[in-house]
Amino acid sequence: MRSAGVIGGGAWGTALAQVCARARLSVILQAREPDVVEAVNTAHENSVFLAGVPLESSIRATADMADLAACDLVLAVAPAQFLRPALTAFAPHARAGLPIVLCAKGIEQGSLKMMTEVLEETIPAAAPAVLSGPSFAGEVARGLPTAVTLACPDEDLAYALAEAIATPTFRPYIAYDMIGAEAGGAVKNVLAIACGIVEGRGLGRSAHAAVITRGFSELTRLALALGGEAETVAGLCGLGDLVLTCSSPQSRNMSVGLALGGGQTLEEALAGKLTVAEGVASAPAVRDLGRKLGVDIPICEAVAAILAGEVEVDAAITGLLSRPLRDEH
């Protein structure tokens, strides 16, 4: 593999374009925003979404999906709720068997479908893979050490993709369970909002640890109900990503929770933010999916209710603490 296309010119898409360029691939970064395209091509910086990070000069930006048609692999990095229109726009230019690596973390609202299902409906002849794990865009773009899960049911393709994008500081670990990898990435964003609320309310480190641990149980139950494997979510794409996202205000999702816990409204928490906090959009879908599958996910339910304005933060906390005592496992 010699060339990579990246769909989505946000912070994460730009960081992954940087990874591919450092792996000596020829990289085309597709972005909807004309100012992003111009900044990347002229100043070698995404001044809109990843300001202050010099980009490899070999990265070329474009607004035209057709420019990605000849790439050997494509990374789809549009936010989860915008992935379907992005893939639909790219579909006329995608050849059969093209490896498309899904890098968005979320569940589609309304349809309650995973990103692999969205890809199957929009570009059914593509060869799917999922990239997920503990990774902040700014750190990855700067070349700080990062390990992620690359899930693909085709073993040969999985290793070919890993070898194509691996660098000395970006290490993909192979898995074959795409469902588990997707579930981990989607649910951890919702749990990060819960951890932010705990921090913002000043409930202490003990409560923070309890939310991470009990939240991981919810994540695992939902992944298993979807057909994923517990071993997958116990790795980088589940537990690893959960620990990172729930432990730093640098996380967009945790920062929203911090604001809510501090007394701000959702509108105030999101005001002025250009980047997408995926957990805000995924929370109602995760709640609906849990109900559909009959899976008990009380922390995710509480976050969804808070975001929807159905319950106040303190009432949601009281509700969780008042649940019946039960076995831990």
Protein backbone atom coordinates (compact mmCIF):
# COMPACT_ATOMS: atom_id res chain seq x y z
CA MET A 1 0.00 0.00 0.00
CA ARG A 2 1.45 3.31 -1.10
CA SER A 3 -1.35 5.85 -0.81
CA ALA A 4 -4.05 6.72 1.73
CA GLY A 5 -7.12 8.89 1.58
CA VAL A 6 -8.64 10.39 4.72
CA ILE A 7 -12.30 11.45 4.74
CA GLY A 8 -12.81 14.18 7.32
CA GLY A 9 -10.62 17.19 7.99
CA GLY A 10 -11.26 17.54 11.73
CA ALA A 11 -8.65 17.08 14.44
CA TRP A 12 -8.68 13.26 14.36
CA GLY A 13 -8.72 13.04 10.58
CA THR A 14 -5.79 15.44 10.40
CA ALA A 15 -3.88 13.47 13.03
CA LEU A 16 -4.40 10.22 11.11
CA ALA A 17 -3.30 11.91 7.89
CA GLN A 18 -0.14 12.86 9.76
CA VAL A 19 0.33 9.23 10.86
CA CYS A 20 -0.03 7.98 7.29
CA ALA A 21 2.42 10.57 5.98
CA ARG A 22 4.98 9.56 8.63
CA ALA A 23 4.46 5.97 7.50
CA ARG A 24 5.64 7.16 4.06
CA LEU A 25 2.27 6.91 2.37
CA SER A 26 1.11 9.46 -0.14
CA VAL A 27 -1.80 11.16 1.66
CA ILE A 28 -4.87 13.04 0.46
CA LEU A 29 -6.98 14.65 3.20
CA GLN A 30 -10.57 15.40 2.22
CA ALA A 31 -12.22 18.25 4.12
CA ARG A 32 -15.56 20.04 3.68
CA GLU A 33 -14.21 23.36 4.94
CA PRO A 34 -12.43 25.49 2.28
CA ASP A 35 -10.31 27.21 4.93
CA VAL A 36 -9.02 23.83 6.16
CA VAL A 37 -8.07 22.81 2.61
CA GLU A 38 -6.29 26.10 2.01
CA ALA A 39 -4.46 26.09 5.35
CA VAL A 40 -3.20 22.51 4.94
CA ASN A 41 -2.01 23.11 1.38
CA THR A 42 -0.40 26.50 1.92
CA ALA A 43 0.68 26.65 5.57
CA HIS A 44 0.91 22.90 6.30
CA GLU A 45 -1.31 23.32 9.36
CA ASN A 46 -4.97 22.72 10.16
CA SER A 47 -5.42 26.07 11.87
CA VAL A 48 -9.16 25.46 12.35
CA PHE A 49 -9.19 22.11 14.18
CA LEU A 50 -5.57 21.38 15.13
CA ALA A 51 -3.85 24.73 15.44
CA GLY A 52 -0.19 24.87 16.33
CA VAL A 53 0.74 21.42 15.00
CA PRO A 54 3.02 21.51 11.93
CA LEU A 55 1.87 18.94 9.35
CA GLU A 56 3.97 16.84 7.00
CA SER A 57 4.42 18.74 3.76
CA SER A 58 3.46 15.62 1.77
CA ILE A 59 -0.17 15.82 2.96
CA ARG A 60 -2.40 17.27 0.26
CA ALA A 61 -5.90 18.51 1.11
CA THR A 62 -8.93 18.55 -1.17
CA ALA A 63 -12.66 19.12 -1.00
CA ASP A 64 -13.35 16.67 -3.83
CA MET A 65 -14.12 13.04 -2.90
CA ALA A 66 -13.10 11.97 -6.41
CA ASP A 67 -9.48 12.74 -5.56
CA LEU A 68 -9.46 9.75 -3.22
CA ALA A 69 -10.57 7.26 -5.88
CA ALA A 70 -7.09 5.90 -6.65
CA CYS A 71 -5.94 5.52 -3.02
CA ASP A 72 -4.89 2.08 -1.81
CA LEU A 73 -6.78 2.52 1.46
CA VAL A 74 -9.22 5.06 2.87
CA LEU A 75 -9.71 6.09 6.48
CA ALA A 76 -13.26 7.34 7.15
CA VAL A 77 -12.97 9.83 10.00
CA ALA A 78 -16.16 11.88 9.66
CA PRO A 79 -18.07 12.06 12.99
CA ALA A 80 -20.45 9.17 13.54
CA GLN A 81 -23.64 11.13 12.90
CA PHE A 82 -22.22 12.46 9.62
CA LEU A 83 -20.56 9.27 8.40
CA ARG A 84 -23.49 8.07 6.27
CA PRO A 85 -23.65 11.20 4.06
CA ALA A 86 -19.85 11.23 3.81
CA LEU A 87 -19.70 7.60 2.67
CA THR A 88 -22.65 8.14 0.33
CA ALA A 89 -20.76 11.00 -1.30
CA PHE A 90 -17.65 8.84 -1.67
CA ALA A 91 -19.50 5.73 -2.89
CA PRO A 92 -19.41 6.60 -6.64
CA HIS A 93 -15.61 6.77 -6.43
CA ALA A 94 -15.01 3.60 -4.38
CA ARG A 95 -13.90 0.50 -6.28
CA ALA A 96 -14.84 -3.01 -5.17
CA GLY A 97 -12.55 -4.38 -2.48
CA LEU A 98 -11.21 -0.99 -1.40
CA PRO A 99 -10.12 -1.18 2.26
CA ILE A 100 -12.09 1.41 4.26
CA VAL A 101 -10.97 1.85 7.86
CA LEU A 102 -13.75 3.24 10.07
CA CYS A 103 -12.36 5.66 12.65
CA ALA A 104 -15.54 7.32 13.97
CA LYS A 105 -16.77 6.25 17.41
CA GLY A 106 -20.51 6.24 17.84
CA ILE A 107 -23.91 4.72 17.12
CA GLU A 108 -26.12 6.28 14.47
CA GLN A 109 -29.18 7.99 15.88
CA GLY A 110 -32.52 6.71 14.63
CA SER A 111 -31.24 3.55 12.96
CA LEU A 112 -29.18 2.50 16.04
CA LYS A 113 -26.62 1.06 13.64
CA MET A 114 -22.88 0.66 14.10
CA MET A 115 -20.50 2.30 11.67
CA THR A 116 -19.74 -1.04 9.98
CA GLU A 117 -23.45 -1.41 9.22
CA VAL A 118 -23.53 2.11 7.78
CA LEU A 119 -20.57 1.22 5.55
CA GLU A 120 -22.24 -2.01 4.44
CA GLU A 121 -25.34 -0.08 3.40
CA THR A 122 -23.50 2.73 1.59
CA ILE A 123 -20.46 0.97 0.06
CA PRO A 124 -21.26 -2.76 0.30
CA ALA A 125 -18.30 -3.84 -1.86
CA ALA A 126 -15.72 -2.24 0.46
CA ALA A 127 -13.36 -4.26 2.65
CA PRO A 128 -14.13 -2.99 6.19
CA ALA A 129 -11.87 -2.44 9.17
CA VAL A 130 -12.19 -0.52 12.44
CA LEU A 131 -9.53 1.64 14.11
CA SER A 132 -10.15 2.47 17.76
CA GLY A 133 -8.23 2.98 20.97
CA PRO A 134 -6.86 5.47 23.50
CA SER A 135 -5.70 8.37 21.35
CA PHE A 136 -5.89 12.14 21.63
CA ALA A 137 -5.59 13.81 18.23
CA GLY A 138 -3.06 16.41 19.33
CA GLU A 139 -0.76 13.83 20.87
CA VAL A 140 -0.95 11.54 17.85
CA ALA A 141 -0.32 14.42 15.46
CA ARG A 142 2.75 15.45 17.46
CA GLY A 143 4.13 11.92 17.28
CA LEU A 144 3.72 10.94 20.93
CA PRO A 145 3.58 7.16 21.57
CA THR A 146 0.14 5.67 20.92
CA ALA A 147 -1.24 2.12 20.69
CA VAL A 148 -4.60 1.33 19.10
CA THR A 149 -6.74 -1.62 18.02
CA LEU A 150 -7.09 -2.35 14.31
CA ALA A 151 -9.99 -4.78 13.92
CA CYS A 152 -10.58 -6.56 10.62
CA PRO A 153 -12.07 -10.02 9.99
CA ASP A 154 -9.64 -10.63 7.10
CA GLU A 155 -6.32 -11.55 8.75
CA ASP A 156 -4.17 -10.81 5.71
CA LEU A 157 -5.79 -7.43 5.19
CA ALA A 158 -5.54 -6.63 8.91
CA TYR A 159 -1.78 -7.12 8.88
CA ALA A 160 -1.37 -5.31 5.57
CA LEU A 161 -3.23 -2.29 6.95
CA ALA A 162 -1.30 -2.36 10.21
CA GLU A 163 2.02 -2.49 8.39
CA ALA A 164 0.92 0.34 6.10
CA ILE A 165 0.07 2.84 8.86
CA ALA A 166 2.42 1.79 11.68
CA THR A 167 5.19 4.17 12.69
CA PRO A 168 7.75 4.04 15.52
CA THR A 169 5.27 5.94 17.72
CA PHE A 170 1.92 4.67 16.36
CA ARG A 171 1.39 0.96 17.01
CA PRO A 172 -1.74 -0.88 15.80
CA TYR A 173 -2.59 -4.15 17.56
CA ILE A 174 -4.57 -6.63 15.45
CA ALA A 175 -8.05 -7.88 16.36
CA TYR A 176 -10.76 -9.59 14.30
CA ASP A 177 -13.86 -8.56 16.24
CA MET A 178 -15.13 -5.34 14.65
CA ILE A 179 -18.34 -5.32 16.71
CA GLY A 180 -16.47 -5.31 20.01
CA ALA A 181 -14.07 -2.63 18.77
CA GLU A 182 -16.97 -0.42 17.70
CA ALA A 183 -18.98 -0.94 20.87
CA GLY A 184 -16.04 0.00 23.06
CA GLY A 185 -15.41 3.22 21.17
CA ALA A 186 -19.07 4.26 21.14
CA VAL A 187 -20.01 3.58 24.76
CA LYS A 188 -16.85 4.98 26.35
CA ASN A 189 -17.74 8.45 25.07
CA VAL A 190 -21.02 8.38 27.00
CA LEU A 191 -19.26 7.13 30.14
CA ALA A 192 -16.69 9.93 29.82
CA ILE A 193 -19.51 12.44 30.17
CA ALA A 194 -20.57 10.64 33.36
CA CYS A 195 -17.03 10.83 34.74
CA GLY A 196 -16.88 14.52 33.89
CA ILE A 197 -20.11 15.09 35.81
CA VAL A 198 -18.62 13.29 38.83
CA GLU A 199 -15.53 15.51 38.67
CA GLY A 200 -17.53 18.67 38.09
CA ARG A 201 -19.76 17.90 41.07
CA GLY A 202 -16.74 17.29 43.28
CA LEU A 203 -17.79 13.76 44.21
CA GLY A 204 -14.21 12.53 44.65
CA ARG A 205 -11.79 10.03 43.15
CA SER A 206 -13.55 7.03 44.69
CA ALA A 207 -16.75 7.87 42.83
CA HIS A 208 -14.74 8.50 39.68
CA ALA A 209 -13.17 5.03 39.89
CA ALA A 210 -16.56 3.46 40.57
CA VAL A 211 -18.07 5.04 37.45
CA ILE A 212 -15.20 3.80 35.27
CA THR A 213 -15.46 0.26 36.67
CA ARG A 214 -19.24 -0.04 36.64
CA GLY A 215 -19.31 1.74 33.30
CA PHE A 216 -16.94 -0.84 31.88
CA SER A 217 -19.40 -3.53 32.98
CA GLU A 218 -22.14 -1.74 31.02
CA LEU A 219 -19.87 -1.44 27.99
CA THR A 220 -19.04 -5.13 28.13
CA ARG A 221 -22.68 -6.22 28.51
CA LEU A 222 -23.75 -4.16 25.52
CA ALA A 223 -20.84 -5.39 23.38
CA LEU A 224 -21.71 -9.01 24.17
CA ALA A 225 -25.38 -8.44 23.38
CA LEU A 226 -24.38 -7.02 20.00
CA GLY A 227 -22.27 -10.10 19.25
CA GLY A 228 -18.87 -8.77 20.26
CA GLU A 229 -16.30 -10.49 22.46
CA ALA A 230 -15.36 -9.64 26.04
CA GLU A 231 -11.67 -10.08 25.21
CA THR A 232 -11.89 -7.32 22.61
CA VAL A 233 -13.36 -4.69 24.93
CA ALA A 234 -10.87 -5.66 27.64
CA GLY A 235 -8.17 -4.32 25.31
CA LEU A 236 -7.14 -0.97 23.90
CA CYS A 237 -10.40 -0.24 22.07
CA GLY A 238 -12.51 -0.72 25.20
CA LEU A 239 -10.84 -0.52 28.59
CA GLY A 240 -7.84 1.41 27.29
CA ASP A 241 -9.94 4.03 25.55
CA LEU A 242 -12.28 4.25 28.54
CA VAL A 243 -9.44 4.96 30.98
CA LEU A 244 -8.00 7.71 28.77
CA THR A 245 -11.28 9.42 27.92
CA CYS A 246 -12.56 9.32 31.51
CA SER A 247 -9.35 10.62 33.07
CA SER A 248 -8.47 13.86 31.31
CA PRO A 249 -10.27 17.17 30.72
CA GLN A 250 -8.50 17.09 27.35
CA SER A 251 -11.25 14.65 26.37
CA ARG A 252 -14.02 16.51 24.59
CA ASN A 253 -16.64 14.25 26.16
CA MET A 254 -15.29 14.55 29.70
CA SER A 255 -15.07 18.33 29.31
CA VAL A 256 -18.79 18.41 28.52
CA GLY A 257 -19.48 16.39 31.65
CA LEU A 258 -17.28 18.71 33.73
CA ALA A 259 -19.34 21.67 32.54
CA LEU A 260 -22.64 19.91 33.31
CA GLY A 261 -21.41 18.85 36.73
CA GLY A 262 -20.35 22.43 37.37
CA GLY A 263 -23.87 23.67 36.79
CA GLN A 264 -23.82 24.69 33.12
CA THR A 265 -26.58 23.77 30.70
CA LEU A 266 -25.80 21.55 27.73
CA GLU A 267 -26.03 24.56 25.43
CA GLU A 268 -23.50 26.43 27.57
CA ALA A 269 -21.22 23.39 27.71
CA LEU A 270 -21.16 23.09 23.91
CA ALA A 271 -21.00 26.82 23.14
CA GLY A 272 -18.02 27.87 21.07
CA LYS A 273 -16.74 24.33 20.48
CA LEU A 274 -15.79 23.52 16.89
CA THR A 275 -14.96 19.88 17.59
CA VAL A 276 -17.64 17.22 18.10
CA ALA A 277 -18.21 15.51 21.46
CA GLU A 278 -19.43 12.19 20.07
CA GLY A 279 -20.92 11.08 23.39
CA VAL A 280 -23.56 13.81 23.29
CA ALA A 281 -24.97 12.46 20.02
CA SER A 282 -24.40 8.80 20.89
CA ALA A 283 -25.97 8.83 24.37
CA PRO A 284 -29.62 8.63 23.23
CA ALA A 285 -28.69 5.97 20.66
CA VAL A 286 -26.82 3.92 23.28
CA ARG A 287 -29.80 4.18 25.63
CA ASP A 288 -32.24 3.11 22.90
CA LEU A 289 -29.97 0.27 21.83
CA GLY A 290 -29.67 -0.99 25.40
CA ARG A 291 -33.45 -0.99 25.76
CA LYS A 292 -33.87 -2.74 22.42
CA LEU A 293 -31.44 -5.49 23.43
CA GLY A 294 -32.66 -5.71 27.03
CA VAL A 295 -29.27 -4.73 28.47
CA ASP A 296 -29.02 -2.99 31.85
CA ILE A 297 -26.91 0.18 31.36
CA PRO A 298 -27.97 2.54 34.19
CA ILE A 299 -25.04 4.97 33.92
CA CYS A 300 -25.56 5.43 30.19
CA GLU A 301 -29.30 5.80 30.80
CA ALA A 302 -28.64 8.53 33.36
CA VAL A 303 -26.31 10.44 31.03
CA ALA A 304 -28.85 10.29 28.21
CA ALA A 305 -31.58 11.57 30.54
CA ILE A 306 -29.41 14.47 31.75
CA LEU A 307 -28.50 15.46 28.19
CA ALA A 308 -32.16 15.33 27.14
CA GLY A 309 -33.19 17.54 30.06
CA GLU A 310 -35.35 14.78 31.52
CA VAL A 311 -33.63 14.81 34.92
CA GLU A 312 -31.37 17.12 36.91
CA VAL A 313 -27.80 16.07 37.62
CA ASP A 314 -28.31 15.61 41.36
CA ALA A 315 -31.49 13.58 40.85
CA ALA A 316 -29.69 11.31 38.39
CA ILE A 317 -26.86 10.76 40.89
CA THR A 318 -29.35 9.99 43.66
CA GLY A 319 -31.12 7.54 41.38
CA LEU A 320 -27.91 5.64 40.67
CA LEU A 321 -26.95 5.51 44.35
CA SER A 322 -30.43 4.26 45.28
CA ARG A 323 -30.38 1.22 43.02
CA PRO A 324 -30.95 -2.16 44.73
CA LEU A 325 -27.88 -3.92 46.11
CA ARG A 326 -26.70 -6.80 43.92
CA ASP A 327 -23.83 -9.13 43.13
CA GLU A 328 -20.94 -7.36 41.42
CA HIS A 329 -20.69 -9.94 38.64
